[in-house]
Amino acid sequence: MILANRQIMLSMSEHGGLAAAILAGGRARRLGEIDKSALTIDGETIMERLLGVLASVTPHIFAVGDRYGAATAAGLRVVPDAIPDSGPLGGVYTAIVSSPCDRTLVVGCDMPFLTGPFLRYLAERSETLSVMPRTANGYEPLCAIYARETAAALRERLDRGERQAAHPPGGVQVIEVGAEELAAFDPHGLLFVNVNTPHDYAQARRRLDSEVFRLKLTKLDEDRITDV
């Protein structure tokens, strides 16, 4: 709640033409239909972590769907899916058409390792165009910036019965952020980790514990060098 209040009180930032939407309407069937955003990583819920990093990018943060109430509890404006039961693609579409800004950063509610520096980098890649990361595993449509002009192309896909947001919208220019650019922000492969299953959650916590341990060792080595 503290993080949410901080977000609400923020004044217009340099990215005032950008809003952020958290997709929070999924059923989380593979996780036993529990609230993924309420899972804790390093003492914070995923929702708290997301609010912290998103607030460093824009004061305009809202949620699409709120099946388990976490977004409402955090003080966010919640908009329902424009097209019920339309999957992630419908969530992205709803975020774009409900956004107060011309561009919208869309993120999943189960991504605990997104960082402020990376999201600010996405925002700075273009002031008007859509921006989408592309890793060796493919596009990352649930950590991407969508211009309002993409809504029509997404609606066409929805009308054809598509529900997955696995690739960029067609017919509009999209800036890809490739592996070389991503490496500077994601040296250990954590950035796009999401939590879809109990195994994913356990693995995310293990990877964070390993990374914290590695950082502690690095700090100890640096201290030893300083003391010499």
Protein backbone atom coordinates (compact mmCIF):
# COMPACT_ATOMS: atom_id res chain seq x y z
CA MET A 1 0.00 0.00 0.00
CA ILE A 2 2.92 2.34 0.72
CA LEU A 3 4.24 1.83 -2.79
CA ALA A 4 0.81 2.42 -4.27
CA ASN A 5 0.44 5.67 -2.33
CA ARG A 6 3.83 6.76 -3.57
CA GLN A 7 2.68 6.06 -7.12
CA ILE A 8 -0.54 8.02 -6.68
CA MET A 9 1.31 11.04 -5.29
CA LEU A 10 3.91 11.20 -8.06
CA SER A 11 3.76 14.28 -10.25
CA MET A 12 3.98 14.19 -14.06
CA SER A 13 7.30 12.67 -15.09
CA GLU A 14 9.37 13.17 -18.20
CA HIS A 15 7.52 10.20 -19.68
CA GLY A 16 4.14 11.91 -19.27
CA GLY A 17 2.98 10.54 -22.62
CA LEU A 18 3.32 7.00 -21.30
CA ALA A 19 1.02 5.01 -19.03
CA ALA A 20 1.59 1.55 -17.56
CA ALA A 21 -0.93 -1.27 -17.33
CA ILE A 22 -0.62 -4.41 -15.20
CA LEU A 23 -2.55 -7.38 -16.60
CA ALA A 24 -4.17 -8.93 -13.52
CA GLY A 25 -7.24 -10.73 -14.84
CA GLY A 26 -5.89 -14.22 -15.47
CA ARG A 27 -7.14 -17.30 -13.64
CA ALA A 28 -3.66 -18.72 -12.93
CA ARG A 29 -4.95 -22.25 -13.54
CA ARG A 30 -1.44 -23.73 -13.62
CA LEU A 31 -0.77 -22.20 -10.20
CA GLY A 32 -3.92 -23.56 -8.58
CA GLU A 33 -5.92 -20.38 -9.32
CA ILE A 34 -4.16 -18.31 -6.67
CA ASP A 35 -3.15 -14.67 -7.00
CA LYS A 36 0.27 -14.66 -8.67
CA SER A 37 0.83 -11.00 -7.88
CA ALA A 38 0.53 -11.76 -4.13
CA LEU A 39 3.43 -14.23 -4.16
CA THR A 40 6.48 -12.94 -2.31
CA ILE A 41 9.98 -12.60 -3.69
CA ASP A 42 12.68 -11.33 -1.34
CA GLY A 43 10.13 -10.08 1.18
CA GLU A 44 7.88 -8.20 -1.26
CA THR A 45 4.86 -9.30 -3.22
CA ILE A 46 5.22 -9.27 -6.98
CA MET A 47 2.60 -6.51 -7.11
CA GLU A 48 4.65 -4.36 -4.73
CA ARG A 49 7.78 -4.94 -6.78
CA LEU A 50 5.97 -4.01 -10.01
CA LEU A 51 4.51 -0.84 -8.52
CA GLY A 52 7.95 0.20 -7.36
CA VAL A 53 9.57 -0.11 -10.77
CA LEU A 54 6.62 1.22 -12.76
CA ALA A 55 6.39 4.31 -10.57
CA SER A 56 9.93 5.20 -11.68
CA VAL A 57 8.70 5.34 -15.28
CA THR A 58 5.25 6.93 -15.14
CA PRO A 59 2.67 8.18 -12.62
CA HIS A 60 -0.13 6.77 -14.79
CA ILE A 61 -0.49 3.18 -13.59
CA PHE A 62 -3.66 1.11 -13.84
CA ALA A 63 -4.70 -2.54 -13.98
CA VAL A 64 -6.62 -4.55 -16.55
CA GLY A 65 -8.76 -6.98 -14.61
CA ASP A 66 -8.37 -7.68 -10.92
CA ARG A 67 -9.53 -11.23 -10.38
CA TYR A 68 -8.08 -11.52 -6.89
CA GLY A 69 -8.35 -7.92 -5.69
CA ALA A 70 -4.66 -7.06 -5.37
CA ALA A 71 -4.82 -4.09 -7.75
CA THR A 72 -7.81 -2.58 -5.97
CA ALA A 73 -6.08 -3.09 -2.62
CA ALA A 74 -3.06 -1.23 -4.00
CA GLY A 75 -5.21 1.75 -4.93
CA LEU A 76 -5.00 1.28 -8.68
CA ARG A 77 -7.71 2.15 -11.19
CA VAL A 78 -9.04 -1.12 -12.57
CA VAL A 79 -10.64 -1.52 -15.99
CA PRO A 80 -12.48 -4.70 -17.04
CA ASP A 81 -11.58 -6.60 -20.18
CA ALA A 82 -13.12 -4.92 -23.21
CA ILE A 83 -13.73 -8.41 -24.62
CA PRO A 84 -14.36 -11.01 -21.90
CA ASP A 85 -12.33 -14.23 -21.91
CA SER A 86 -10.04 -12.98 -24.68
CA GLY A 87 -6.76 -14.05 -23.10
CA PRO A 88 -3.53 -12.07 -22.97
CA LEU A 89 -4.21 -10.49 -26.36
CA GLY A 90 -7.49 -9.12 -25.05
CA GLY A 91 -5.71 -7.77 -21.99
CA VAL A 92 -3.20 -5.91 -24.14
CA TYR A 93 -5.98 -4.53 -26.33
CA THR A 94 -7.95 -3.36 -23.30
CA ALA A 95 -4.86 -1.67 -21.87
CA ILE A 96 -4.32 0.30 -25.07
CA VAL A 97 -7.92 1.45 -25.56
CA SER A 98 -8.34 2.29 -21.84
CA SER A 99 -5.06 4.13 -21.44
CA PRO A 100 -4.97 7.85 -20.62
CA CYS A 101 -1.84 8.19 -22.76
CA ASP A 102 -0.90 7.61 -26.38
CA ARG A 103 1.55 4.87 -25.43
CA THR A 104 1.11 2.16 -22.84
CA LEU A 105 3.69 -0.05 -21.18
CA VAL A 106 1.97 -3.40 -20.66
CA VAL A 107 3.35 -5.90 -18.13
CA GLY A 108 2.14 -9.18 -16.70
CA CYS A 109 1.35 -9.34 -12.99
CA ASP A 110 3.75 -12.28 -12.55
CA MET A 111 7.08 -10.70 -13.54
CA PRO A 112 9.06 -10.08 -10.33
CA PHE A 113 12.43 -9.15 -11.84
CA LEU A 114 11.62 -6.19 -14.08
CA THR A 115 13.80 -3.19 -13.28
CA GLY A 116 13.37 0.55 -13.42
CA PRO A 117 16.46 1.16 -15.57
CA PHE A 118 15.27 -1.34 -18.18
CA LEU A 119 11.72 0.00 -18.34
CA ARG A 120 13.03 3.55 -18.61
CA TYR A 121 15.24 2.41 -21.46
CA LEU A 122 12.20 1.02 -23.28
CA ALA A 123 10.39 4.31 -22.74
CA GLU A 124 13.31 6.27 -24.14
CA ARG A 125 13.76 4.18 -27.28
CA SER A 126 10.96 6.13 -28.94
CA GLU A 127 8.55 8.88 -27.97
CA THR A 128 5.84 7.77 -30.40
CA LEU A 129 6.34 4.17 -31.59
CA SER A 130 5.70 0.76 -30.07
CA VAL A 131 8.71 -0.96 -28.51
CA MET A 132 9.03 -4.71 -27.87
CA PRO A 133 11.93 -6.78 -26.50
CA ARG A 134 13.01 -9.83 -28.45
CA THR A 135 15.15 -12.48 -26.77
CA ALA A 136 16.56 -15.72 -28.14
CA ASN A 137 13.27 -17.30 -27.07
CA GLY A 138 11.13 -14.85 -29.01
CA TYR A 139 9.19 -11.67 -28.39
CA GLU A 140 8.19 -10.43 -24.94
CA PRO A 141 4.73 -8.97 -25.63
CA LEU A 142 3.85 -8.76 -21.93
CA CYS A 143 6.72 -6.40 -21.26
CA ALA A 144 6.32 -4.02 -24.17
CA ILE A 145 5.19 -0.52 -25.06
CA TYR A 146 2.20 -0.22 -27.38
CA ALA A 147 1.23 2.91 -29.30
CA ARG A 148 -2.48 3.62 -29.49
CA GLU A 149 -2.40 3.02 -33.26
CA THR A 150 -1.84 -0.71 -32.64
CA ALA A 151 -5.34 -1.17 -31.23
CA ALA A 152 -7.01 -1.68 -34.61
CA ALA A 153 -4.60 -4.45 -35.65
CA LEU A 154 -5.04 -6.22 -32.30
CA ARG A 155 -8.81 -5.96 -32.57
CA GLU A 156 -8.68 -7.65 -35.97
CA ARG A 157 -6.76 -10.55 -34.45
CA LEU A 158 -9.26 -10.80 -31.61
CA ASP A 159 -12.14 -10.84 -34.07
CA ARG A 160 -10.45 -13.78 -35.80
CA GLY A 161 -10.49 -15.66 -32.51
CA GLU A 162 -6.84 -15.18 -31.53
CA ARG A 163 -6.10 -14.96 -27.81
CA GLN A 164 -2.31 -15.11 -27.55
CA ALA A 165 -0.09 -12.04 -27.77
CA ALA A 166 2.95 -13.91 -29.00
CA HIS A 167 4.07 -11.50 -31.72
CA PRO A 168 3.93 -7.76 -32.49
CA PRO A 169 0.85 -6.15 -34.02
CA GLY A 170 0.95 -6.07 -37.80
CA GLY A 171 0.75 -3.08 -40.08
CA VAL A 172 2.48 -0.65 -37.71
CA GLN A 173 6.11 0.12 -36.98
CA VAL A 174 7.49 -1.62 -33.91
CA ILE A 175 11.00 -1.06 -32.56
CA GLU A 176 12.64 -4.30 -31.48
CA VAL A 177 15.02 -4.33 -28.54
CA GLY A 178 17.33 -7.24 -29.32
CA ALA A 179 19.69 -9.48 -27.42
CA GLU A 180 22.68 -7.13 -27.52
CA GLU A 181 20.71 -4.28 -26.00
CA LEU A 182 19.05 -6.55 -23.46
CA ALA A 183 22.35 -7.98 -22.23
CA ALA A 184 23.26 -4.74 -20.49
CA PHE A 185 20.11 -4.98 -18.36
CA ASP A 186 19.84 -8.75 -17.96
CA PRO A 187 23.26 -10.34 -17.50
CA HIS A 188 21.86 -13.27 -15.49
CA GLY A 189 18.69 -14.01 -17.44
CA LEU A 190 16.22 -12.94 -14.77
CA LEU A 191 14.51 -9.98 -16.40
CA PHE A 192 11.64 -11.77 -18.17
CA VAL A 193 11.14 -14.61 -15.69
CA ASN A 194 7.45 -15.05 -14.94
CA VAL A 195 5.59 -17.21 -12.46
CA ASN A 196 3.04 -19.51 -14.10
CA THR A 197 3.48 -22.71 -12.10
CA PRO A 198 4.65 -23.77 -8.62
CA HIS A 199 7.90 -24.86 -10.28
CA ASP A 200 8.35 -21.39 -11.80
CA TYR A 201 7.85 -19.80 -8.38
CA ALA A 202 10.31 -22.12 -6.64
CA GLN A 203 12.84 -21.60 -9.41
CA ALA A 204 12.45 -17.80 -9.26
CA ARG A 205 13.16 -17.82 -5.54
CA ARG A 206 16.15 -20.11 -5.98
CA ARG A 207 17.58 -17.94 -8.74
CA LEU A 208 17.18 -14.81 -6.65
CA ASP A 209 18.83 -16.51 -3.65
CA SER A 210 21.74 -17.56 -5.87
CA GLU A 211 22.08 -14.04 -7.28
CA VAL A 212 22.01 -12.44 -3.81
CA PHE A 213 24.67 -14.91 -2.66
CA ARG A 214 26.80 -14.10 -5.71
CA LEU A 215 26.51 -10.37 -5.03
CA LYS A 216 27.50 -10.88 -1.40
CA LEU A 217 30.59 -12.79 -2.49
CA THR A 218 31.46 -10.04 -4.96
CA LYS A 219 31.11 -7.43 -2.21
CA LEU A 220 33.35 -9.47 0.09
CA ASP A 221 35.99 -9.73 -2.65
CA GLU A 222 35.83 -5.98 -3.26
CA ASP A 223 36.20 -5.30 0.47
CA ARG A 224 39.23 -7.56 0.65
CA ILE A 225 40.85 -5.73 -2.27
CA THR A 226 40.14 -2.37 -0.62
CA ASP A 227 41.68 -3.55 2.65
CA VAL A 228 44.94 -4.64 0.98
